[in-house]
C-alpha atoms as a PDB file:
ATOM      1  CA  UNK A   1      17.891 -10.930  -7.495  1.00  0.00           C
ATOM      2  CA  UNK A   2      14.322 -12.314  -5.645  1.00  0.00           C
ATOM      3  CA  UNK A   3      14.790 -15.361  -4.356  1.00  0.00           C
ATOM      4  CA  UNK A   4      12.472 -18.796  -4.192  1.00  0.00           C
ATOM      5  CA  UNK A   5      10.182 -17.285  -2.021  1.00  0.00           C
ATOM      6  CA  UNK A   6       8.951 -14.998  -3.944  1.00  0.00           C
ATOM      7  CA  UNK A   7       6.729 -17.822  -6.218  1.00  0.00           C
ATOM      8  CA  UNK A   8       4.960 -18.612  -3.520  1.00  0.00           C
ATOM      9  CA  UNK A   9       3.470 -15.237  -2.431  1.00  0.00           C
ATOM     10  CA  UNK A  10       2.976 -14.282  -6.083  1.00  0.00           C
ATOM     11  CA  UNK A  11       0.688 -17.337  -6.454  1.00  0.00           C
ATOM     12  CA  UNK A  12      -0.925 -16.993  -3.379  1.00  0.00           C
ATOM     13  CA  UNK A  13      -1.126 -12.941  -4.389  1.00  0.00           C
ATOM     14  CA  UNK A  14      -2.407 -13.849  -7.971  1.00  0.00           C
ATOM     15  CA  UNK A  15      -4.975 -16.745  -6.307  1.00  0.00           C
ATOM     16  CA  UNK A  16      -6.047 -13.663  -4.376  1.00  0.00           C
ATOM     17  CA  UNK A  17      -6.727 -11.628  -7.707  1.00  0.00           C
ATOM     18  CA  UNK A  18      -8.294 -14.088  -9.323  1.00  0.00           C
ATOM     19  CA  UNK A  19     -10.824 -14.740  -6.101  1.00  0.00           C
ATOM     20  CA  UNK A  20     -11.769 -11.226  -5.249  1.00  0.00           C
ATOM     21  CA  UNK A  21     -12.762 -11.076 -10.080  1.00  0.00           C
ATOM     22  CA  UNK A  22     -14.822 -13.996 -10.110  1.00  0.00           C
ATOM     23  CA  UNK A  23     -16.317 -13.778  -6.801  1.00  0.00           C
ATOM     24  CA  UNK A  24     -16.099 -17.421  -6.169  1.00  0.00           C
ATOM     25  CA  UNK A  25     -13.799 -20.104  -7.697  1.00  0.00           C
ATOM     26  CA  UNK A  26     -13.131 -24.077  -7.227  1.00  0.00           C
ATOM     27  CA  UNK A  27      -9.850 -25.396  -6.651  1.00  0.00           C
ATOM     28  CA  UNK A  28      -9.977 -27.686  -9.610  1.00  0.00           C
ATOM     29  CA  UNK A  29      -9.998 -24.806 -11.618  1.00  0.00           C
ATOM     30  CA  UNK A  30      -6.797 -22.895  -9.790  1.00  0.00           C
ATOM     31  CA  UNK A  31      -4.750 -26.310 -10.427  1.00  0.00           C
ATOM     32  CA  UNK A  32      -5.895 -25.890 -13.655  1.00  0.00           C
ATOM     33  CA  UNK A  33      -5.121 -22.081 -13.972  1.00  0.00           C
ATOM     34  CA  UNK A  34      -1.642 -21.851 -11.524  1.00  0.00           C
ATOM     35  CA  UNK A  35      -0.203 -25.636 -12.579  1.00  0.00           C
ATOM     36  CA  UNK A  36       0.082 -26.765  -9.062  1.00  0.00           C
ATOM     37  CA  UNK A  37      -1.933 -29.767  -6.752  1.00  0.00           C
ATOM     38  CA  UNK A  38      -4.694 -29.728  -5.107  1.00  0.00           C
ATOM     39  CA  UNK A  39      -2.830 -29.996  -1.674  1.00  0.00           C
ATOM     40  CA  UNK A  40      -0.775 -26.831  -2.685  1.00  0.00           C
ATOM     41  CA  UNK A  41      -3.563 -24.805  -3.690  1.00  0.00           C
ATOM     42  CA  UNK A  42      -5.348 -26.028  -0.258  1.00  0.00           C
ATOM     43  CA  UNK A  43      -2.097 -25.071   1.171  1.00  0.00           C
ATOM     44  CA  UNK A  44      -2.305 -21.469  -0.322  1.00  0.00           C
ATOM     45  CA  UNK A  45      -6.362 -20.706   0.283  1.00  0.00           C
ATOM     46  CA  UNK A  46      -5.598 -22.003   4.065  1.00  0.00           C
ATOM     47  CA  UNK A  47      -3.330 -19.016   4.544  1.00  0.00           C
ATOM     48  CA  UNK A  48      -4.983 -16.341   2.505  1.00  0.00           C
ATOM     49  CA  UNK A  49      -7.964 -17.310   4.202  1.00  0.00           C
ATOM     50  CA  UNK A  50      -5.862 -16.493   7.415  1.00  0.00           C
ATOM     51  CA  UNK A  51      -4.655 -13.269   6.478  1.00  0.00           C
ATOM     52  CA  UNK A  52      -8.249 -12.032   5.708  1.00  0.00           C
ATOM     53  CA  UNK A  53      -8.374 -12.409   1.459  1.00  0.00           C
ATOM     54  CA  UNK A  54     -11.088 -14.654   1.285  1.00  0.00           C
ATOM     55  CA  UNK A  55     -12.829 -17.415   2.816  1.00  0.00           C
ATOM     56  CA  UNK A  56     -12.783 -21.196   2.068  1.00  0.00           C
ATOM     57  CA  UNK A  57     -15.907 -23.068   0.609  1.00  0.00           C
ATOM     58  CA  UNK A  58     -16.826 -26.212   0.389  1.00  0.00           C
ATOM     59  CA  UNK A  59     -14.221 -27.204  -2.637  1.00  0.00           C
ATOM     60  CA  UNK A  60     -12.926 -24.114  -3.557  1.00  0.00           C
ATOM     61  CA  UNK A  61     -12.927 -20.100  -1.991  1.00  0.00           C
ATOM     62  CA  UNK A  62     -14.975 -17.220  -2.281  1.00  0.00           C
ATOM     63  CA  UNK A  63     -13.931 -13.480  -1.931  1.00  0.00           C
ATOM     64  CA  UNK A  64     -14.109 -11.900   1.615  1.00  0.00           C
ATOM     65  CA  UNK A  65     -16.487  -9.018  -0.334  1.00  0.00           C
ATOM     66  CA  UNK A  66     -19.146 -11.268  -1.591  1.00  0.00           C
ATOM     67  CA  UNK A  67     -19.233 -13.707   1.544  1.00  0.00           C
ATOM     68  CA  UNK A  68     -19.776 -10.077   3.370  1.00  0.00           C
ATOM     69  CA  UNK A  69     -22.252  -8.515   0.479  1.00  0.00           C
ATOM     70  CA  UNK A  70     -25.271  -9.940   2.231  1.00  0.00           C
ATOM     71  CA  UNK A  71     -24.630  -8.039   6.026  1.00  0.00           C
ATOM     72  CA  UNK A  72     -22.597  -4.622   4.325  1.00  0.00           C
ATOM     73  CA  UNK A  73     -23.129  -1.864   6.131  1.00  0.00           C
ATOM     74  CA  UNK A  74     -21.776   1.775   6.140  1.00  0.00           C
ATOM     75  CA  UNK A  75     -18.661   1.663   7.477  1.00  0.00           C
ATOM     76  CA  UNK A  76     -17.867   3.624  10.595  1.00  0.00           C
ATOM     77  CA  UNK A  77     -15.421   6.217  10.993  1.00  0.00           C
ATOM     78  CA  UNK A  78     -12.131   5.693  10.967  1.00  0.00           C
ATOM     79  CA  UNK A  79     -12.651   2.635   9.178  1.00  0.00           C
ATOM     80  CA  UNK A  80      -9.577   0.885   7.379  1.00  0.00           C
ATOM     81  CA  UNK A  81      -9.807  -0.880   4.207  1.00  0.00           C
ATOM     82  CA  UNK A  82     -10.345  -5.046   3.986  1.00  0.00           C
ATOM     83  CA  UNK A  83      -7.714  -7.233   2.942  1.00  0.00           C
ATOM     84  CA  UNK A  84      -8.573  -7.404  -0.880  1.00  0.00           C
ATOM     85  CA  UNK A  85      -8.583  -3.805  -1.033  1.00  0.00           C
ATOM     86  CA  UNK A  86      -5.186  -3.340   0.871  1.00  0.00           C
ATOM     87  CA  UNK A  87      -3.603  -5.657  -1.690  1.00  0.00           C
ATOM     88  CA  UNK A  88      -5.378  -3.503  -4.851  1.00  0.00           C
ATOM     89  CA  UNK A  89      -4.315  -0.267  -3.516  1.00  0.00           C
ATOM     90  CA  UNK A  90      -0.768  -1.847  -2.831  1.00  0.00           C
ATOM     91  CA  UNK A  91      -0.709  -2.922  -6.400  1.00  0.00           C
ATOM     92  CA  UNK A  92      -2.136   0.945  -7.798  1.00  0.00           C
ATOM     93  CA  UNK A  93       0.950   1.950  -6.316  1.00  0.00           C
ATOM     94  CA  UNK A  94       3.835  -0.578  -7.509  1.00  0.00           C
ATOM     95  CA  UNK A  95       2.535   0.030 -10.073  1.00  0.00           C
ATOM     96  CA  UNK A  96       3.586   3.941 -10.169  1.00  0.00           C
ATOM     97  CA  UNK A  97       7.561   2.971  -9.432  1.00  0.00           C
ATOM     98  CA  UNK A  98      10.134   2.428 -12.271  1.00  0.00           C
ATOM     99  CA  UNK A  99      13.324   0.412 -13.178  1.00  0.00           C
ATOM    100  CA  UNK A 100      16.123   2.237 -11.092  1.00  0.00           C
ATOM    101  CA  UNK A 101      13.763   4.138  -9.159  1.00  0.00           C
ATOM    102  CA  UNK A 102      15.020   5.440  -5.675  1.00  0.00           C
ATOM    103  CA  UNK A 103      12.181   5.033  -3.614  1.00  0.00           C
ATOM    104  CA  UNK A 104      11.657   6.003  -0.367  1.00  0.00           C
ATOM    105  CA  UNK A 105       8.969   3.500   1.271  1.00  0.00           C
ATOM    106  CA  UNK A 106       7.504   4.734   4.794  1.00  0.00           C
ATOM    107  CA  UNK A 107       6.190   2.521   7.452  1.00  0.00           C
ATOM    108  CA  UNK A 108       2.562   0.411   7.584  1.00  0.00           C
ATOM    109  CA  UNK A 109       0.814  -2.514   6.572  1.00  0.00           C
ATOM    110  CA  UNK A 110      -0.225  -1.736   3.300  1.00  0.00           C
ATOM    111  CA  UNK A 111       3.298  -0.527   1.875  1.00  0.00           C
ATOM    112  CA  UNK A 112       4.501  -3.618   3.039  1.00  0.00           C
ATOM    113  CA  UNK A 113       2.295  -5.246   0.956  1.00  0.00           C
ATOM    114  CA  UNK A 114       3.657  -3.125  -2.233  1.00  0.00           C
ATOM    115  CA  UNK A 115       7.814  -4.476  -1.751  1.00  0.00           C
ATOM    116  CA  UNK A 116       6.766  -8.218  -3.371  1.00  0.00           C
ATOM    117  CA  UNK A 117       5.045  -6.376  -6.078  1.00  0.00           C
ATOM    118  CA  UNK A 118       8.376  -4.878  -6.696  1.00  0.00           C
ATOM    119  CA  UNK A 119      10.364  -7.973  -7.410  1.00  0.00           C
ATOM    120  CA  UNK A 120      10.192  -7.456 -11.230  1.00  0.00           C
ATOM    121  CA  UNK A 121      11.498  -3.933 -11.052  1.00  0.00           C
ATOM    122  CA  UNK A 122      15.561  -3.625 -12.207  1.00  0.00           C
ATOM    123  CA  UNK A 123      18.098  -1.707  -9.647  1.00  0.00           C
ATOM    124  CA  UNK A 124      16.008  -0.254  -7.369  1.00  0.00           C
ATOM    125  CA  UNK A 125      17.606   1.812  -4.243  1.00  0.00           C
ATOM    126  CA  UNK A 126      14.751   1.466  -1.795  1.00  0.00           C
ATOM    127  CA  UNK A 127      15.365   2.701   1.433  1.00  0.00           C
ATOM    128  CA  UNK A 128      12.515   2.102   4.477  1.00  0.00           C
ATOM    129  CA  UNK A 129      13.085   3.203   7.958  1.00  0.00           C
ATOM    130  CA  UNK A 130      10.329  -0.198   9.201  1.00  0.00           C
ATOM    131  CA  UNK A 131      12.490  -3.211  10.262  1.00  0.00           C
ATOM    132  CA  UNK A 132      10.154  -5.373   8.945  1.00  0.00           C
ATOM    133  CA  UNK A 133       9.838  -3.768   5.382  1.00  0.00           C
ATOM    134  CA  UNK A 134      13.810  -4.342   5.348  1.00  0.00           C
ATOM    135  CA  UNK A 135      13.365  -7.849   6.224  1.00  0.00           C
ATOM    136  CA  UNK A 136      10.983  -8.361   3.048  1.00  0.00           C
ATOM    137  CA  UNK A 137      12.711  -6.279   0.990  1.00  0.00           C
ATOM    138  CA  UNK A 138      15.526  -8.740   1.081  1.00  0.00           C
ATOM    139  CA  UNK A 139      13.836 -11.144  -0.481  1.00  0.00           C
ATOM    140  CA  UNK A 140      12.175  -9.728  -2.782  1.00  0.00           C
ATOM    141  CA  UNK A 141      14.075  -6.394  -4.412  1.00  0.00           C
ATOM    142  CA  UNK A 142      16.422  -6.468  -7.146  1.00  0.00           C
ATOM    143  CA  UNK A 143      18.943  -3.321  -5.747  1.00  0.00           C
ATOM    144  CA  UNK A 144      19.977  -1.493  -3.072  1.00  0.00           C
ATOM    145  CA  UNK A 145      18.111  -1.916   0.356  1.00  0.00           C
ATOM    146  CA  UNK A 146      19.067   0.696   2.728  1.00  0.00           C
ATOM    147  CA  UNK A 147      17.542   0.646   6.623  1.00  0.00           C
ATOM    148  CA  UNK A 148      17.156   4.248   7.813  1.00  0.00           C
ATOM    149  CA  UNK A 149      16.342   5.790  11.044  1.00  0.00           C
ATOM    150  CA  UNK A 150      18.500   5.159  14.623  1.00  0.00           C
ATOM    151  CA  UNK A 151      15.707   5.263  17.266  1.00  0.00           C
ATOM    152  CA  UNK A 152      13.147   3.048  17.512  1.00  0.00           C
ATOM    153  CA  UNK A 153       9.590   3.975  18.175  1.00  0.00           C
ATOM    154  CA  UNK A 154       8.659   1.654  21.401  1.00  0.00           C
ATOM    155  CA  UNK A 155       6.594  -0.916  21.091  1.00  0.00           C
ATOM    156  CA  UNK A 156       7.013  -0.440  16.431  1.00  0.00           C
ATOM    157  CA  UNK A 157       9.713  -1.641  14.168  1.00  0.00           C
ATOM    158  CA  UNK A 158       9.729   1.823  13.346  1.00  0.00           C
ATOM    159  CA  UNK A 159      12.650   4.143  13.130  1.00  0.00           C
ATOM    160  CA  UNK A 160      13.258   7.591  13.320  1.00  0.00           C
ATOM    161  CA  UNK A 161      15.746   9.888  14.476  1.00  0.00           C
ATOM    162  CA  UNK A 162      18.569  12.477  12.544  1.00  0.00           C
ATOM    163  CA  UNK A 163      19.872   8.955  10.471  1.00  0.00           C
ATOM    164  CA  UNK A 164      16.834   9.201   9.103  1.00  0.00           C
ATOM    165  CA  UNK A 165      16.697  12.598   7.806  1.00  0.00           C
ATOM    166  CA  UNK A 166      20.841  11.977   7.271  1.00  0.00           C
ATOM    167  CA  UNK A 167      20.259   9.513   4.460  1.00  0.00           C
ATOM    168  CA  UNK A 168      16.700  11.414   2.775  1.00  0.00           C
ATOM    169  CA  UNK A 169      18.698  14.502   2.333  1.00  0.00           C
ATOM    170  CA  UNK A 170      21.644  12.276   1.180  1.00  0.00           C
ATOM    171  CA  UNK A 171      19.878  10.679  -1.750  1.00  0.00           C
ATOM    172  CA  UNK A 172      18.211  12.311  -4.876  1.00  0.00           C
ATOM    173  CA  UNK A 173      14.717  10.462  -3.883  1.00  0.00           C
ATOM    174  CA  UNK A 174      12.588  10.075  -7.229  1.00  0.00           C
ATOM    175  CA  UNK A 175       9.626   8.799  -5.492  1.00  0.00           C
ATOM    176  CA  UNK A 176       8.443   8.370  -2.070  1.00  0.00           C
ATOM    177  CA  UNK A 177       5.136   6.325  -1.544  1.00  0.00           C
ATOM    178  CA  UNK A 178       3.797   6.421   2.214  1.00  0.00           C
ATOM    179  CA  UNK A 179       0.739   5.469   3.900  1.00  0.00           C
ATOM    180  CA  UNK A 180      -1.532   7.962   5.878  1.00  0.00           C
ATOM    181  CA  UNK A 181      -4.615   7.602   7.578  1.00  0.00           C
ATOM    182  CA  UNK A 182      -6.354  10.823   6.635  1.00  0.00           C
ATOM    183  CA  UNK A 183      -6.631  13.893   5.157  1.00  0.00           C
ATOM    184  CA  UNK A 184      -8.605  16.925   7.243  1.00  0.00           C
ATOM    185  CA  UNK A 185     -10.006  20.024   5.543  1.00  0.00           C
ATOM    186  CA  UNK A 186      -7.281  21.862   5.296  1.00  0.00           C
ATOM    187  CA  UNK A 187      -5.695  19.311   3.092  1.00  0.00           C
ATOM    188  CA  UNK A 188      -2.795  18.360   5.881  1.00  0.00           C
ATOM    189  CA  UNK A 189      -1.980  14.434   6.057  1.00  0.00           C
ATOM    190  CA  UNK A 190      -2.201  12.667   9.115  1.00  0.00           C
ATOM    191  CA  UNK A 191      -0.233   9.795  10.342  1.00  0.00           C
ATOM    192  CA  UNK A 192      -0.738   7.296  13.111  1.00  0.00           C
ATOM    193  CA  UNK A 193       2.536   8.096  14.849  1.00  0.00           C
ATOM    194  CA  UNK A 194       3.192  12.183  15.250  1.00  0.00           C
ATOM    195  CA  UNK A 195       6.921  10.989  15.639  1.00  0.00           C
ATOM    196  CA  UNK A 196       7.810  11.327  12.568  1.00  0.00           C
ATOM    197  CA  UNK A 197       5.757  13.697  11.040  1.00  0.00           C
ATOM    198  CA  UNK A 198       8.611  15.899  10.668  1.00  0.00           C
ATOM    199  CA  UNK A 199      10.333  12.861   9.016  1.00  0.00           C
ATOM    200  CA  UNK A 200       7.604  12.719   6.429  1.00  0.00           C
ATOM    201  CA  UNK A 201       7.540  16.107   5.845  1.00  0.00           C
ATOM    202  CA  UNK A 202      11.241  16.571   4.983  1.00  0.00           C
ATOM    203  CA  UNK A 203      10.822  13.442   2.261  1.00  0.00           C
ATOM    204  CA  UNK A 204       7.742  14.872   1.023  1.00  0.00           C
ATOM    205  CA  UNK A 205      10.288  18.146   0.332  1.00  0.00           C
ATOM    206  CA  UNK A 206      12.821  15.856  -1.378  1.00  0.00           C
ATOM    207  CA  UNK A 207      11.021  13.341  -3.437  1.00  0.00           C
ATOM    208  CA  UNK A 208      10.763  14.148  -7.127  1.00  0.00           C
ATOM    209  CA  UNK A 209       7.250  12.210  -6.986  1.00  0.00           C
ATOM    210  CA  UNK A 210       4.953  11.580  -3.959  1.00  0.00           C
ATOM    211  CA  UNK A 211       2.416   9.139  -3.569  1.00  0.00           C
ATOM    212  CA  UNK A 212       0.471   8.883  -0.957  1.00  0.00           C
ATOM    213  CA  UNK A 213      -2.352   5.628   0.714  1.00  0.00           C
ATOM    214  CA  UNK A 214      -4.994   7.219   2.857  1.00  0.00           C
ATOM    215  CA  UNK A 215      -6.779   3.929   4.884  1.00  0.00           C
ATOM    216  CA  UNK A 216      -9.832   6.318   6.581  1.00  0.00           C
ATOM    217  CA  UNK A 217     -11.963   9.530   7.504  1.00  0.00           C
ATOM    218  CA  UNK A 218     -10.120  12.357   8.688  1.00  0.00           C
ATOM    219  CA  UNK A 219      -9.813  12.469  12.999  1.00  0.00           C
ATOM    220  CA  UNK A 220     -11.382  14.628  15.233  1.00  0.00           C
ATOM    221  CA  UNK A 221      -9.887  18.382  14.740  1.00  0.00           C
ATOM    222  CA  UNK A 222      -6.180  18.715  16.926  1.00  0.00           C
ATOM    223  CA  UNK A 223      -6.324  15.342  17.098  1.00  0.00           C
ATOM    224  CA  UNK A 224      -3.285  14.945  14.613  1.00  0.00           C
ATOM    225  CA  UNK A 225      -0.039  15.786  13.933  1.00  0.00           C
ATOM    226  CA  UNK A 226       0.061  16.962  10.009  1.00  0.00           C
ATOM    227  CA  UNK A 227       2.737  15.355   7.697  1.00  0.00           C
ATOM    228  CA  UNK A 228       2.127  17.916   4.391  1.00  0.00           C
ATOM    229  CA  UNK A 229      -0.053  18.649   2.417  1.00  0.00           C
ATOM    230  CA  UNK A 230      -2.884  17.249  -0.215  1.00  0.00           C
ATOM    231  CA  UNK A 231      -1.355  20.087  -2.697  1.00  0.00           C
ATOM    232  CA  UNK A 232       2.269  18.427  -2.561  1.00  0.00           C
ATOM    233  CA  UNK A 233       1.357  14.938  -3.901  1.00  0.00           C
ATOM    234  CA  UNK A 234       1.540  13.526  -7.347  1.00  0.00           C
ATOM    235  CA  UNK A 235      -0.724  11.074  -6.639  1.00  0.00           C
ATOM    236  CA  UNK A 236      -3.274   9.700  -3.649  1.00  0.00           C
ATOM    237  CA  UNK A 237      -4.359   5.910  -3.737  1.00  0.00           C
ATOM    238  CA  UNK A 238      -7.295   5.619  -1.840  1.00  0.00           C
ATOM    239  CA  UNK A 239     -10.096   2.660  -1.314  1.00  0.00           C
ATOM    240  CA  UNK A 240     -13.407   2.651  -1.850  1.00  0.00           C
ATOM    241  CA  UNK A 241     -15.137   2.168   1.523  1.00  0.00           C
ATOM    242  CA  UNK A 242     -13.700   6.504   1.847  1.00  0.00           C
ATOM    243  CA  UNK A 243     -12.850   7.399  -1.707  1.00  0.00           C
ATOM    244  CA  UNK A 244     -16.585   9.507  -1.720  1.00  0.00           C
ATOM    245  CA  UNK A 245     -15.606  10.939   0.967  1.00  0.00           C
ATOM    246  CA  UNK A 246     -12.209  12.552  -0.383  1.00  0.00           C
ATOM    247  CA  UNK A 247     -13.897  13.124  -3.693  1.00  0.00           C
ATOM    248  CA  UNK A 248     -14.943  16.373  -3.511  1.00  0.00           C
ATOM    249  CA  UNK A 249     -12.048  17.550  -2.259  1.00  0.00           C
ATOM    250  CA  UNK A 250      -9.529  15.811  -4.462  1.00  0.00           C
ATOM    251  CA  UNK A 251     -11.532  17.276  -7.351  1.00  0.00           C
ATOM    252  CA  UNK A 252     -11.639  20.697  -5.913  1.00  0.00           C
ATOM    253  CA  UNK A 253      -7.891  20.479  -5.751  1.00  0.00           C
ATOM    254  CA  UNK A 254      -7.581  19.947  -8.747  1.00  0.00           C
ATOM    255  CA  UNK A 255      -6.823  16.219  -9.044  1.00  0.00           C
ATOM    256  CA  UNK A 256      -8.312  14.022 -11.379  1.00  0.00           C
ATOM    257  CA  UNK A 257      -8.820   9.870 -11.648  1.00  0.00           C
ATOM    258  CA  UNK A 258      -5.733   8.412 -13.120  1.00  0.00           C
ATOM    259  CA  UNK A 259      -7.252   4.299 -12.548  1.00  0.00           C
ATOM    260  CA  UNK A 260     -10.164   2.776 -10.955  1.00  0.00           C
ATOM    261  CA  UNK A 261     -11.373  -0.397 -10.011  1.00  0.00           C
ATOM    262  CA  UNK A 262     -13.940  -1.696  -7.870  1.00  0.00           C
ATOM    263  CA  UNK A 263     -12.158  -1.631  -4.645  1.00  0.00           C
ATOM    264  CA  UNK A 264      -9.464   1.809  -4.911  1.00  0.00           C
ATOM    265  CA  UNK A 265      -8.907   5.121  -6.938  1.00  0.00           C
ATOM    266  CA  UNK A 266      -5.547   6.309  -8.166  1.00  0.00           C
ATOM    267  CA  UNK A 267      -5.975   9.975  -7.912  1.00  0.00           C
ATOM    268  CA  UNK A 268      -3.236  12.736  -9.704  1.00  0.00           C
ATOM    269  CA  UNK A 269      -3.120  16.106  -9.879  1.00  0.00           C
ATOM    270  CA  UNK A 270      -3.149  17.530 -13.009  1.00  0.00           C
ATOM    271  CA  UNK A 271      -0.423  19.670 -12.280  1.00  0.00           C
ATOM    272  CA  UNK A 272       1.939  16.505 -12.806  1.00  0.00           C
ATOM    273  CA  UNK A 273       0.223  15.464 -15.863  1.00  0.00           C
ATOM    274  CA  UNK A 274       0.969  17.932 -18.136  1.00  0.00           C
ATOM    275  CA  UNK A 275      -2.484  18.665 -18.813  1.00  0.00           C
END
């Protein structure tokens, strides 16, 4: 079952969401909404500022978007979403996960944010190849957590190897969520670790539902290791900063917007909707 620390993280995620939606809020208002002391809220705000979710102001907090609005510029090539967008992308992914799913969750900073949001799901089987994912999942997941892989990628907490493939083939994957840096013009998915490309391709081949997070623009031609194809996906989640770049490609590939807000978009393959 989820542990007590889940209450702390849930409260902080709630604060981040409130600040993002309202733009600015006072400590007193957060105390009233969440039923905790001002000392607790200030500690939460200090943590969230350190993590980049918001900026503290005199007596309260403001969203990072509001704090930088007057300096807004077009994102550079290879840009990644800001912290608020990362959280929203994670929320979009968590919304797609059901009780009793056997979920493969690939490595990545945003996929890690999905884990606490799954604390309300019942009897999940979560398969990960990221050591930090596994440690976090032990706190929040109601169900089985399986760490797969036998070869650690140097300077990362990520596993690859034949054992990863064996686990993926052993279980019936009802869902997979992977994080990619980009798509290219042909619809090929690109990740940050080429060693994992063949493993993730196998995951996509095996999973019944396939969800991908896309965080940036395409790399230079030939400078990536394809890990799958857009046509394999059921859902694609991306942030507002890069959504416009892929919009036409997604429409042409018969994807439709399933859910959107100011921060990010969930696209769904029309074939997956039954329409």
